[in-house]
């Protein structure tokens, strides 16, 4: 039996203070982190996070901006 997945891409500004919160917030609602594209070290920019979870998981989405 194969799993059906849903996918999500999120972005977080290059801000170490909010990075952990962003990742933990998505993990709490059932998302599994697949990979990250990090902003270049020493520059401002945006990190992109690629997530997946089984389709049958129905939990609230994280609040906007997290």
PDB file of N, CA and C in Angstrom:
ATOM      1  N   UNK A   1       0.846  -1.179   0.000  1.00  0.00           N
ATOM      2  CA  UNK A   1       0.000   0.000   0.000  1.00  0.00           C
ATOM      3  C   UNK A   1       0.887   1.236   0.000  1.00  0.00           C
ATOM      4  N   UNK A   2       0.642   2.138  -0.909  1.00  0.00           N
ATOM      5  CA  UNK A   2       1.456   3.347  -0.971  1.00  0.00           C
ATOM      6  C   UNK A   2       0.770   4.489  -0.215  1.00  0.00           C
ATOM      7  N   UNK A   3       1.587   5.331   0.344  1.00  0.00           N
ATOM      8  CA  UNK A   3       1.057   6.497   1.048  1.00  0.00           C
ATOM      9  C   UNK A   3       0.798   7.622   0.063  1.00  0.00           C
ATOM     10  N   UNK A   4      -0.287   8.324   0.276  1.00  0.00           N
ATOM     11  CA  UNK A   4      -0.544   9.533  -0.490  1.00  0.00           C
ATOM     12  C   UNK A   4      -0.075  10.707   0.368  1.00  0.00           C
ATOM     13  N   UNK A   5       0.666  11.582  -0.239  1.00  0.00           N
ATOM     14  CA  UNK A   5       1.246  12.716   0.492  1.00  0.00           C
ATOM     15  C   UNK A   5       0.674  14.026  -0.016  1.00  0.00           C
ATOM     16  N   UNK A   6       0.615  14.998   0.874  1.00  0.00           N
ATOM     17  CA  UNK A   6       0.381  16.372   0.467  1.00  0.00           C
ATOM     18  C   UNK A   6       1.650  17.131   0.800  1.00  0.00           C
ATOM     19  N   UNK A   7       1.923  18.165   0.026  1.00  0.00           N
ATOM     20  CA  UNK A   7       3.181  18.896   0.161  1.00  0.00           C
ATOM     21  C   UNK A   7       2.927  20.362   0.433  1.00  0.00           C
ATOM     22  N   UNK A   8       3.895  21.003   1.067  1.00  0.00           N
ATOM     23  CA  UNK A   8       3.796  22.407   1.435  1.00  0.00           C
ATOM     24  C   UNK A   8       5.182  23.028   1.322  1.00  0.00           C
ATOM     25  N   UNK A   9       5.249  24.237   0.813  1.00  0.00           N
ATOM     26  CA  UNK A   9       6.494  25.006   0.795  1.00  0.00           C
ATOM     27  C   UNK A   9       6.238  26.265   1.608  1.00  0.00           C
ATOM     28  N   UNK A  10       7.124  26.535   2.562  1.00  0.00           N
ATOM     29  CA  UNK A  10       7.009  27.745   3.367  1.00  0.00           C
ATOM     30  C   UNK A  10       8.299  28.546   3.260  1.00  0.00           C
ATOM     31  N   UNK A  11       8.223  29.790   3.659  1.00  0.00           N
ATOM     32  CA  UNK A  11       9.392  30.667   3.630  1.00  0.00           C
ATOM     33  C   UNK A  11       9.538  31.333   4.990  1.00  0.00           C
ATOM     34  N   UNK A  12      10.760  31.584   5.377  1.00  0.00           N
ATOM     35  CA  UNK A  12      11.043  32.276   6.626  1.00  0.00           C
ATOM     36  C   UNK A  12      12.225  33.211   6.378  1.00  0.00           C
ATOM     37  N   UNK A  13      12.069  34.436   6.806  1.00  0.00           N
ATOM     38  CA  UNK A  13      13.153  35.407   6.639  1.00  0.00           C
ATOM     39  C   UNK A  13      14.396  34.937   7.384  1.00  0.00           C
ATOM     40  N   UNK A  14      15.545  35.376   6.929  1.00  0.00           N
ATOM     41  CA  UNK A  14      16.820  35.018   7.561  1.00  0.00           C
ATOM     42  C   UNK A  14      16.874  35.683   8.930  1.00  0.00           C
ATOM     43  N   UNK A  15      16.301  34.998   9.913  1.00  0.00           N
ATOM     44  CA  UNK A  15      16.226  35.516  11.277  1.00  0.00           C
ATOM     45  C   UNK A  15      16.355  34.337  12.234  1.00  0.00           C
ATOM     46  N   UNK A  16      17.535  34.126  12.800  1.00  0.00           N
ATOM     47  CA  UNK A  16      17.754  32.961  13.670  1.00  0.00           C
ATOM     48  C   UNK A  16      16.770  32.863  14.834  1.00  0.00           C
ATOM     49  N   UNK A  17      16.252  33.982  15.298  1.00  0.00           N
ATOM     50  CA  UNK A  17      15.325  33.966  16.430  1.00  0.00           C
ATOM     51  C   UNK A  17      13.995  33.320  16.076  1.00  0.00           C
ATOM     52  N   UNK A  18      13.563  33.391  14.815  1.00  0.00           N
ATOM     53  CA  UNK A  18      12.272  32.819  14.442  1.00  0.00           C
ATOM     54  C   UNK A  18      12.394  31.474  13.733  1.00  0.00           C
ATOM     55  N   UNK A  19      13.599  31.081  13.384  1.00  0.00           N
ATOM     56  CA  UNK A  19      13.799  29.852  12.623  1.00  0.00           C
ATOM     57  C   UNK A  19      13.292  28.621  13.370  1.00  0.00           C
ATOM     58  N   UNK A  20      13.687  28.443  14.608  1.00  0.00           N
ATOM     59  CA  UNK A  20      13.255  27.282  15.395  1.00  0.00           C
ATOM     60  C   UNK A  20      11.744  27.284  15.587  1.00  0.00           C
ATOM     61  N   UNK A  21      11.187  28.442  15.871  1.00  0.00           N
ATOM     62  CA  UNK A  21       9.732  28.548  16.040  1.00  0.00           C
ATOM     63  C   UNK A  21       9.014  28.122  14.760  1.00  0.00           C
ATOM     64  N   UNK A  22       9.485  28.574  13.625  1.00  0.00           N
ATOM     65  CA  UNK A  22       8.874  28.241  12.336  1.00  0.00           C
ATOM     66  C   UNK A  22       8.866  26.732  12.108  1.00  0.00           C
ATOM     67  N   UNK A  23       9.994  26.090  12.331  1.00  0.00           N
ATOM     68  CA  UNK A  23      10.107  24.648  12.107  1.00  0.00           C
ATOM     69  C   UNK A  23       9.242  23.874  13.107  1.00  0.00           C
ATOM     70  N   UNK A  24       9.328  24.208  14.380  1.00  0.00           N
ATOM     71  CA  UNK A  24       8.547  23.503  15.396  1.00  0.00           C
ATOM     72  C   UNK A  24       7.047  23.690  15.192  1.00  0.00           C
ATOM     73  N   UNK A  25       6.625  24.857  14.780  1.00  0.00           N
ATOM     74  CA  UNK A  25       5.208  25.122  14.566  1.00  0.00           C
ATOM     75  C   UNK A  25       4.632  24.203  13.488  1.00  0.00           C
ATOM     76  N   UNK A  26       5.364  24.001  12.408  1.00  0.00           N
ATOM     77  CA  UNK A  26       4.889  23.126  11.339  1.00  0.00           C
ATOM     78  C   UNK A  26       4.950  21.655  11.745  1.00  0.00           C
ATOM     79  N   UNK A  27       5.966  21.275  12.482  1.00  0.00           N
ATOM     80  CA  UNK A  27       6.075  19.890  12.943  1.00  0.00           C
ATOM     81  C   UNK A  27       4.917  19.540  13.879  1.00  0.00           C
ATOM     82  N   UNK A  28       4.493  20.475  14.700  1.00  0.00           N
ATOM     83  CA  UNK A  28       3.385  20.231  15.624  1.00  0.00           C
ATOM     84  C   UNK A  28       2.080  19.896  14.915  1.00  0.00           C
ATOM     85  N   UNK A  29       1.905  20.388  13.714  1.00  0.00           N
ATOM     86  CA  UNK A  29       0.656  20.141  12.989  1.00  0.00           C
ATOM     87  C   UNK A  29       0.827  19.043  11.940  1.00  0.00           C
ATOM     88  N   UNK A  30       1.843  18.211  12.133  1.00  0.00           N
ATOM     89  CA  UNK A  30       1.957  17.008  11.337  1.00  0.00           C
ATOM     90  C   UNK A  30       2.847  17.056  10.107  1.00  0.00           C
ATOM     91  N   UNK A  31       3.517  18.183   9.853  1.00  0.00           N
ATOM     92  CA  UNK A  31       4.378  18.274   8.674  1.00  0.00           C
ATOM     93  C   UNK A  31       5.746  17.695   8.976  1.00  0.00           C
ATOM     94  N   UNK A  32       6.278  16.948   8.039  1.00  0.00           N
ATOM     95  CA  UNK A  32       7.625  16.390   8.113  1.00  0.00           C
ATOM     96  C   UNK A  32       8.521  17.199   7.174  1.00  0.00           C
ATOM     97  N   UNK A  33       9.618  17.704   7.699  1.00  0.00           N
ATOM     98  CA  UNK A  33      10.543  18.500   6.896  1.00  0.00           C
ATOM     99  C   UNK A  33      11.328  17.589   5.957  1.00  0.00           C
ATOM    100  N   UNK A  34      11.266  17.904   4.663  1.00  0.00           N
ATOM    101  CA  UNK A  34      11.974  17.104   3.663  1.00  0.00           C
ATOM    102  C   UNK A  34      13.345  17.702   3.389  1.00  0.00           C
ATOM    103  N   UNK A  35      13.369  19.006   3.086  1.00  0.00           N
ATOM    104  CA  UNK A  35      14.638  19.671   2.794  1.00  0.00           C
ATOM    105  C   UNK A  35      14.466  21.175   2.982  1.00  0.00           C
ATOM    106  N   UNK A  36      15.587  21.868   3.006  1.00  0.00           N
ATOM    107  CA  UNK A  36      15.601  23.327   3.191  1.00  0.00           C
ATOM    108  C   UNK A  36      16.564  23.932   2.184  1.00  0.00           C
ATOM    109  N   UNK A  37      16.175  25.065   1.628  1.00  0.00           N
ATOM    110  CA  UNK A  37      17.090  25.879   0.835  1.00  0.00           C
ATOM    111  C   UNK A  37      17.380  27.113   1.682  1.00  0.00           C
ATOM    112  N   UNK A  38      18.604  27.219   2.187  1.00  0.00           N
ATOM    113  CA  UNK A  38      18.954  28.312   3.094  1.00  0.00           C
ATOM    114  C   UNK A  38      19.395  29.555   2.338  1.00  0.00           C
ATOM    115  N   UNK A  39      19.106  30.708   2.938  1.00  0.00           N
ATOM    116  CA  UNK A  39      19.640  31.966   2.434  1.00  0.00           C
ATOM    117  C   UNK A  39      21.156  31.912   2.586  1.00  0.00           C
ATOM    118  N   UNK A  40      21.854  32.677   1.788  1.00  0.00           N
ATOM    119  CA  UNK A  40      23.313  32.702   1.842  1.00  0.00           C
ATOM    120  C   UNK A  40      23.764  33.275   3.182  1.00  0.00           C
ATOM    121  N   UNK A  41      24.691  32.582   3.834  1.00  0.00           N
ATOM    122  CA  UNK A  41      25.186  33.020   5.136  1.00  0.00           C
ATOM    123  C   UNK A  41      25.770  34.426   5.042  1.00  0.00           C
ATOM    124  N   UNK A  42      25.402  35.252   6.008  1.00  0.00           N
ATOM    125  CA  UNK A  42      25.921  36.607   6.052  1.00  0.00           C
ATOM    126  C   UNK A  42      25.112  37.596   5.228  1.00  0.00           C
ATOM    127  N   UNK A  43      24.130  37.125   4.508  1.00  0.00           N
ATOM    128  CA  UNK A  43      23.280  38.020   3.724  1.00  0.00           C
ATOM    129  C   UNK A  43      21.848  37.909   4.226  1.00  0.00           C
ATOM    130  N   UNK A  44      21.100  38.979   4.059  1.00  0.00           N
ATOM    131  CA  UNK A  44      19.684  38.860   4.362  1.00  0.00           C
ATOM    132  C   UNK A  44      19.055  38.069   3.225  1.00  0.00           C
ATOM    133  N   UNK A  45      17.992  37.405   3.500  1.00  0.00           N
ATOM    134  CA  UNK A  45      17.345  36.594   2.489  1.00  0.00           C
ATOM    135  C   UNK A  45      16.253  35.760   3.101  1.00  0.00           C
ATOM    136  N   UNK A  46      15.858  34.736   2.389  1.00  0.00           N
ATOM    137  CA  UNK A  46      14.748  33.894   2.820  1.00  0.00           C
ATOM    138  C   UNK A  46      15.149  32.429   2.740  1.00  0.00           C
ATOM    139  N   UNK A  47      14.770  31.680   3.773  1.00  0.00           N
ATOM    140  CA  UNK A  47      14.935  30.228   3.771  1.00  0.00           C
ATOM    141  C   UNK A  47      13.635  29.635   3.242  1.00  0.00           C
ATOM    142  N   UNK A  48      13.734  28.587   2.430  1.00  0.00           N
ATOM    143  CA  UNK A  48      12.553  27.894   1.926  1.00  0.00           C
ATOM    144  C   UNK A  48      12.543  26.478   2.481  1.00  0.00           C
ATOM    145  N   UNK A  49      11.410  26.093   3.043  1.00  0.00           N
ATOM    146  CA  UNK A  49      11.239  24.795   3.677  1.00  0.00           C
ATOM    147  C   UNK A  49      10.248  23.972   2.867  1.00  0.00           C
ATOM    148  N   UNK A  50      10.601  22.714   2.637  1.00  0.00           N
ATOM    149  CA  UNK A  50       9.759  21.805   1.856  1.00  0.00           C
ATOM    150  C   UNK A  50       9.282  20.693   2.785  1.00  0.00           C
ATOM    151  N   UNK A  51       7.964  20.574   2.925  1.00  0.00           N
ATOM    152  CA  UNK A  51       7.333  19.690   3.891  1.00  0.00           C
ATOM    153  C   UNK A  51       6.433  18.676   3.203  1.00  0.00           C
ATOM    154  N   UNK A  52       6.141  17.581   3.923  1.00  0.00           N
ATOM    155  CA  UNK A  52       5.127  16.638   3.467  1.00  0.00           C
ATOM    156  C   UNK A  52       4.449  16.042   4.699  1.00  0.00           C
ATOM    157  N   UNK A  53       3.247  15.530   4.473  1.00  0.00           N
ATOM    158  CA  UNK A  53       2.546  14.760   5.491  1.00  0.00           C
ATOM    159  C   UNK A  53       1.540  13.861   4.783  1.00  0.00           C
ATOM    160  N   UNK A  54       1.160  12.763   5.414  1.00  0.00           N
ATOM    161  CA  UNK A  54       0.167  11.891   4.804  1.00  0.00           C
ATOM    162  C   UNK A  54      -1.143  12.647   4.594  1.00  0.00           C
ATOM    163  N   UNK A  55      -1.823  12.337   3.516  1.00  0.00           N
ATOM    164  CA  UNK A  55      -3.071  13.027   3.184  1.00  0.00           C
ATOM    165  C   UNK A  55      -4.113  12.861   4.282  1.00  0.00           C
ATOM    166  N   UNK A  56      -4.122  11.722   4.949  1.00  0.00           N
ATOM    167  CA  UNK A  56      -5.157  11.472   5.951  1.00  0.00           C
ATOM    168  C   UNK A  56      -4.948  12.218   7.261  1.00  0.00           C
ATOM    169  N   UNK A  57      -3.887  12.980   7.409  1.00  0.00           N
ATOM    170  CA  UNK A  57      -3.654  13.772   8.621  1.00  0.00           C
ATOM    171  C   UNK A  57      -4.397  15.092   8.474  1.00  0.00           C
ATOM    172  N   UNK A  58      -5.332  15.336   9.352  1.00  0.00           N
ATOM    173  CA  UNK A  58      -6.102  16.580   9.310  1.00  0.00           C
ATOM    174  C   UNK A  58      -5.951  17.302  10.641  1.00  0.00           C
ATOM    175  N   UNK A  59      -5.066  18.263  10.656  1.00  0.00           N
ATOM    176  CA  UNK A  59      -4.838  19.088  11.847  1.00  0.00           C
ATOM    177  C   UNK A  59      -4.871  20.538  11.390  1.00  0.00           C
ATOM    178  N   UNK A  60      -5.099  21.465  12.316  1.00  0.00           N
ATOM    179  CA  UNK A  60      -5.155  22.885  11.931  1.00  0.00           C
ATOM    180  C   UNK A  60      -3.847  23.354  11.293  1.00  0.00           C
ATOM    181  N   UNK A  61      -3.952  24.227  10.333  1.00  0.00           N
ATOM    182  CA  UNK A  61      -2.779  24.843   9.724  1.00  0.00           C
ATOM    183  C   UNK A  61      -2.171  25.836  10.708  1.00  0.00           C
ATOM    184  N   UNK A  62      -0.862  26.079  10.613  1.00  0.00           N
ATOM    185  CA  UNK A  62      -0.250  27.077  11.502  1.00  0.00           C
ATOM    186  C   UNK A  62      -0.788  28.463  11.165  1.00  0.00           C
ATOM    187  N   UNK A  63      -0.761  29.353  12.141  1.00  0.00           N
ATOM    188  CA  UNK A  63      -1.225  30.730  11.887  1.00  0.00           C
ATOM    189  C   UNK A  63      -0.401  31.378  10.785  1.00  0.00           C
ATOM    190  N   UNK A  64      -0.991  32.288  10.020  1.00  0.00           N
ATOM    191  CA  UNK A  64      -0.252  32.983   8.963  1.00  0.00           C
ATOM    192  C   UNK A  64       0.991  33.674   9.523  1.00  0.00           C
ATOM    193  N   UNK A  65       2.030  33.665   8.728  1.00  0.00           N
ATOM    194  CA  UNK A  65       3.259  34.357   9.117  1.00  0.00           C
ATOM    195  C   UNK A  65       4.168  33.558  10.013  1.00  0.00           C
ATOM    196  N   UNK A  66       3.889  32.267  10.173  1.00  0.00           N
ATOM    197  CA  UNK A  66       4.762  31.469  11.048  1.00  0.00           C
ATOM    198  C   UNK A  66       5.599  30.534  10.231  1.00  0.00           C
TER     199      UNK A  66
END
